[in-house]
């Protein structure tokens, strides 16, 4: 088995993850959005990551979507104060 075979196998497994757990996952991609997105890296705690991950699975949305949603809410609250 060559490197390309391993890469193709890995892609196949990743694309079937939703089917394995019996749920369709709704993933956003930047190209699918009408917004001008930028990618940045920030540090969060392991606890925050686990809670965010659980929320994204329960709501069947992408983690990036949740972070943008929470950040918009926080910024709106700050403007009102």
Protein backbone atom coordinates (compact mmCIF):
# COMPACT_ATOMS: atom_id res chain seq x y z
CA UNK A 1 0.00 0.00 0.00
CA UNK A 2 1.50 3.29 -1.13
CA UNK A 3 1.22 6.75 0.36
CA UNK A 4 -1.56 7.75 -2.03
CA UNK A 5 -3.55 4.64 -1.08
CA UNK A 6 -3.24 5.54 2.60
CA UNK A 7 -4.32 9.13 1.91
CA UNK A 8 -7.35 7.95 -0.06
CA UNK A 9 -8.30 5.51 2.71
CA UNK A 10 -8.04 8.28 5.28
CA UNK A 11 -10.24 10.57 3.17
CA UNK A 12 -12.79 7.80 2.81
CA UNK A 13 -12.93 7.24 6.56
CA UNK A 14 -13.24 10.97 7.28
CA UNK A 15 -16.06 11.40 4.78
CA UNK A 16 -18.01 8.53 6.37
CA UNK A 17 -17.74 9.65 9.99
CA UNK A 18 -21.26 11.12 10.00
CA UNK A 19 -22.67 7.89 8.60
CA UNK A 20 -20.90 5.81 11.23
CA UNK A 21 -22.50 7.67 14.14
CA UNK A 22 -25.84 7.74 12.34
CA UNK A 23 -26.06 11.52 11.97
CA UNK A 24 -25.60 13.84 9.09
CA UNK A 25 -23.23 16.59 10.06
CA UNK A 26 -23.76 20.09 8.78
CA UNK A 27 -20.37 21.58 8.06
CA UNK A 28 -19.79 25.09 6.87
CA UNK A 29 -17.01 25.97 4.54
CA UNK A 30 -15.78 29.51 4.05
CA UNK A 31 -16.56 29.27 0.33
CA UNK A 32 -20.19 28.47 1.19
CA UNK A 33 -20.64 31.65 3.21
CA UNK A 34 -21.44 35.14 1.98
CA UNK A 35 -19.18 36.66 4.60
CA UNK A 36 -15.59 37.76 4.39
CA UNK A 37 -13.95 35.32 6.79
CA UNK A 38 -10.44 35.23 8.13
CA UNK A 39 -8.72 32.39 9.95
CA UNK A 40 -7.00 33.15 13.27
CA UNK A 41 -5.72 30.99 16.12
CA UNK A 42 -6.61 31.66 19.76
CA UNK A 43 -6.02 29.64 22.90
CA UNK A 44 -8.94 28.20 24.85
CA UNK A 45 -8.98 25.78 27.75
CA UNK A 46 -9.60 22.07 27.31
CA UNK A 47 -12.84 22.48 29.25
CA UNK A 48 -14.02 25.25 26.89
CA UNK A 49 -13.12 23.13 23.88
CA UNK A 50 -15.02 20.08 25.19
CA UNK A 51 -18.12 22.14 25.99
CA UNK A 52 -17.98 23.88 22.62
CA UNK A 53 -17.55 20.55 20.84
CA UNK A 54 -20.51 19.00 22.69
CA UNK A 55 -22.67 22.02 21.86
CA UNK A 56 -21.71 21.85 18.19
CA UNK A 57 -22.59 18.16 18.02
CA UNK A 58 -25.91 18.67 19.82
CA UNK A 59 -26.88 21.57 17.55
CA UNK A 60 -25.39 19.87 14.47
CA UNK A 61 -23.43 22.96 13.44
CA UNK A 62 -19.80 23.73 12.84
CA UNK A 63 -17.70 24.89 15.82
CA UNK A 64 -16.59 27.98 13.88
CA UNK A 65 -20.23 28.94 13.43
CA UNK A 66 -20.82 28.71 17.18
CA UNK A 67 -17.78 30.82 17.96
CA UNK A 68 -18.88 33.52 15.51
CA UNK A 69 -22.39 33.42 16.95
CA UNK A 70 -21.12 33.79 20.54
CA UNK A 71 -18.67 36.52 19.60
CA UNK A 72 -21.38 38.50 17.79
CA UNK A 73 -23.63 38.24 20.85
CA UNK A 74 -20.83 39.34 23.19
CA UNK A 75 -19.87 42.30 20.98
CA UNK A 76 -23.50 43.37 20.70
CA UNK A 77 -23.86 43.24 24.49
CA UNK A 78 -20.72 45.36 24.88
CA UNK A 79 -22.03 48.00 22.51
CA UNK A 80 -25.29 48.24 24.48
CA UNK A 81 -23.44 48.88 27.76
